[in-house]
Amino acid sequence: MNTDKRDENLLVVVAVEEYARRHQMPAAAVLQLFDKHGVLPLIRRNYGTLHTQDLYETVTFAEDVVQRNTLQSTSG
């Protein structure tokens, strides 16, 4: 596995674990939530930008995606 893939995986793990901690959810539930909202592919696609930020900014990014998708689904 190359370094970029390992780093992408690190961002995913940090996002899942920290989101779970912040929202008092099991990691498995966070994975399901992220899957529902397409968060993991977005993290991977935006790796180029996200890896230059603090690791926890990836969690904020994930929270924004979930919130935006939730708002769209309730208003649409």
Protein backbone atom coordinates (compact mmCIF):
# COMPACT_ATOMS: atom_id res chain seq x y z
CA MET A 1 0.00 0.00 0.00
CA ASN A 2 1.44 3.36 -0.95
CA THR A 3 1.80 6.28 1.42
CA ASP A 4 -1.13 8.26 0.02
CA LYS A 5 -3.51 5.30 0.49
CA ARG A 6 -2.27 4.80 4.05
CA ASP A 7 -2.79 8.51 4.74
CA GLU A 8 -6.28 8.40 3.20
CA ASN A 9 -7.08 5.45 5.45
CA LEU A 10 -5.76 7.39 8.45
CA LEU A 11 -8.09 10.28 7.63
CA VAL A 12 -11.02 7.88 7.39
CA VAL A 13 -10.18 6.21 10.72
CA VAL A 14 -9.73 9.54 12.49
CA ALA A 15 -13.00 10.85 11.05
CA VAL A 16 -14.96 7.77 12.13
CA GLU A 17 -13.43 7.52 15.60
CA GLU A 18 -13.63 11.22 16.40
CA TYR A 19 -17.16 11.57 15.00
CA ALA A 20 -18.17 8.62 17.17
CA ARG A 21 -16.59 10.25 20.22
CA ARG A 22 -18.13 13.68 19.58
CA HIS A 23 -21.60 12.29 18.96
CA GLN A 24 -21.44 9.44 21.49
CA MET A 25 -22.10 6.84 18.83
CA PRO A 26 -20.56 3.42 18.19
CA ALA A 27 -18.04 3.44 15.33
CA ALA A 28 -20.18 0.90 13.43
CA ALA A 29 -23.12 3.32 13.50
CA VAL A 30 -20.88 6.12 12.25
CA LEU A 31 -19.73 3.92 9.36
CA GLN A 32 -23.37 3.30 8.43
CA LEU A 33 -24.15 7.02 8.68
CA PHE A 34 -21.11 7.92 6.58
CA ASP A 35 -22.09 5.27 4.04
CA LYS A 36 -25.63 6.67 3.83
CA HIS A 37 -24.31 10.19 3.19
CA GLY A 38 -21.34 9.27 0.98
CA VAL A 39 -18.81 10.74 3.41
CA LEU A 40 -15.98 8.23 2.94
CA PRO A 41 -15.63 8.71 -0.84
CA LEU A 42 -15.70 12.48 -0.27
CA ILE A 43 -12.90 12.25 2.26
CA ARG A 44 -10.86 10.19 -0.18
CA ARG A 45 -11.61 12.53 -3.12
CA ASN A 46 -10.68 15.58 -1.03
CA TYR A 47 -7.55 14.01 0.45
CA GLY A 48 -5.34 16.53 -1.37
CA THR A 49 -6.86 19.38 0.64
CA LEU A 50 -7.78 17.58 3.84
CA HIS A 51 -4.32 16.16 4.45
CA THR A 52 -2.93 19.70 4.70
CA GLN A 53 -5.33 20.48 7.56
CA ASP A 54 -5.42 19.38 11.17
CA LEU A 55 -6.68 15.78 11.32
CA TYR A 56 -9.77 16.89 13.21
CA GLU A 57 -10.78 19.20 10.35
CA THR A 58 -11.68 16.01 8.50
CA VAL A 59 -14.27 15.34 11.22
CA THR A 60 -15.69 18.82 10.79
CA PHE A 61 -15.85 18.18 7.05
CA ALA A 62 -17.76 14.94 7.69
CA GLU A 63 -20.14 16.69 10.08
CA ASP A 64 -20.84 19.35 7.46
CA VAL A 65 -21.58 16.73 4.80
CA VAL A 66 -23.97 14.81 7.07
CA GLN A 67 -25.70 17.99 8.21
CA ARG A 68 -26.05 19.34 4.66
CA ASN A 69 -27.44 16.04 3.37
CA THR A 70 -29.83 15.77 6.31
CA LEU A 71 -31.12 19.29 5.71
CA GLN A 72 -31.58 18.60 2.00
CA SER A 73 -33.49 15.40 2.64
CA THR A 74 -35.82 17.05 5.16
CA SER A 75 -36.48 20.13 3.04
CA GLY A 76 -36.82 18.42 -0.30
